[in-house]
Amino acid sequence: MSAKDSASKLEFFLSKLEDFVCWLLFGILLVVAVHALLLSQIAALYYIATAVLVCPRTPLSTNVRVASVVLAFIVGIAFRLI
């Protein structure tokens, strides 16, 4: 097995792991948003917006998506939504 094949398999594995974690976080945020509907519509909207940013199928480049998610979490902490 060459180093190129090994690197390719590792990259494939990490890509699948990233997709799994993103979908898991997406699902958790949607469950929290449904629960937040009982408490506050603004909080529910925040969680849904953050879930859309985290979703792997969001048509944003990786850098823009990561920056948006970090900004969303900072806003959530600042407004005590997290």
Protein backbone atom coordinates (compact mmCIF):
# COMPACT_ATOMS: atom_id res chain seq x y z
CA MET A 1 0.00 0.00 0.00
CA SER A 2 1.46 3.32 -1.01
CA ALA A 3 1.34 6.50 0.99
CA LYS A 4 -0.98 8.02 -1.62
CA ASP A 5 -3.58 5.25 -1.16
CA SER A 6 -3.32 5.56 2.60
CA ALA A 7 -3.81 9.32 2.47
CA SER A 8 -6.76 8.91 0.13
CA LYS A 9 -8.45 6.43 2.48
CA LEU A 10 -7.81 8.68 5.46
CA GLU A 11 -9.27 11.67 3.61
CA PHE A 12 -12.35 9.63 2.66
CA PHE A 13 -12.81 8.47 6.27
CA LEU A 14 -12.46 12.00 7.65
CA SER A 15 -14.92 13.32 5.07
CA LYS A 16 -17.52 10.72 6.10
CA LEU A 17 -16.86 11.44 9.78
CA GLU A 18 -17.35 15.16 9.18
CA ASP A 19 -20.66 14.52 7.40
CA PHE A 20 -21.84 12.28 10.25
CA VAL A 21 -20.97 14.86 12.92
CA CYS A 22 -22.61 17.67 10.91
CA TRP A 23 -25.84 15.68 10.45
CA LEU A 24 -25.83 14.74 14.13
CA LEU A 25 -25.39 18.37 15.19
CA PHE A 26 -28.07 19.40 12.69
CA GLY A 27 -30.52 16.93 14.24
CA ILE A 28 -29.71 17.97 17.79
CA LEU A 29 -30.21 21.64 16.94
CA LEU A 30 -33.59 20.91 15.34
CA VAL A 31 -34.73 18.95 18.41
CA VAL A 32 -33.64 21.83 20.64
CA ALA A 33 -35.45 24.29 18.33
CA VAL A 34 -38.70 22.33 18.62
CA HIS A 35 -38.37 22.37 22.40
CA ALA A 36 -37.47 26.07 22.36
CA LEU A 37 -40.75 26.84 20.56
CA LEU A 38 -42.47 26.27 23.87
CA LEU A 39 -40.27 28.87 25.56
CA SER A 40 -39.39 31.51 23.00
CA GLN A 41 -39.92 31.90 19.28
CA ILE A 42 -36.73 33.96 19.00
CA ALA A 43 -34.67 31.18 20.55
CA ALA A 44 -36.29 28.64 18.23
CA LEU A 45 -35.50 30.81 15.21
CA TYR A 46 -31.88 31.09 16.38
CA TYR A 47 -31.52 27.32 16.70
CA ILE A 48 -33.10 26.71 13.30
CA ALA A 49 -30.82 29.30 11.67
CA THR A 50 -27.77 27.72 13.30
CA ALA A 51 -28.93 24.27 12.16
CA VAL A 52 -29.21 25.50 8.57
CA LEU A 53 -25.65 26.83 8.76
CA VAL A 54 -24.35 23.53 10.16
CA CYS A 55 -26.18 21.38 7.60
CA PRO A 56 -23.66 19.70 5.27
CA ARG A 57 -25.79 20.51 2.22
CA THR A 58 -25.65 24.26 2.81
CA PRO A 59 -24.31 25.78 -0.43
CA LEU A 60 -21.61 27.82 1.28
CA SER A 61 -17.87 27.36 1.08
CA THR A 62 -16.31 25.70 4.10
CA ASN A 63 -14.57 28.88 5.28
CA VAL A 64 -17.74 30.97 5.13
CA ARG A 65 -19.76 28.24 6.85
CA VAL A 66 -17.25 27.86 9.70
CA ALA A 67 -17.06 31.63 10.19
CA SER A 68 -20.88 31.89 10.19
CA VAL A 69 -21.26 29.09 12.72
CA VAL A 70 -18.65 30.63 15.03
CA LEU A 71 -20.44 33.98 14.77
CA ALA A 72 -23.79 32.30 15.44
CA PHE A 73 -22.46 30.65 18.58
CA ILE A 74 -20.94 33.94 19.79
CA VAL A 75 -24.31 35.66 19.26
CA GLY A 76 -26.04 32.80 21.08
CA ILE A 77 -23.71 33.16 24.04
CA ALA A 78 -24.04 36.95 24.06
CA PHE A 79 -27.86 36.80 24.12
CA ARG A 80 -27.89 33.85 26.56
CA LEU A 81 -29.55 31.50 24.09
CA ILE A 82 -26.88 28.88 24.74
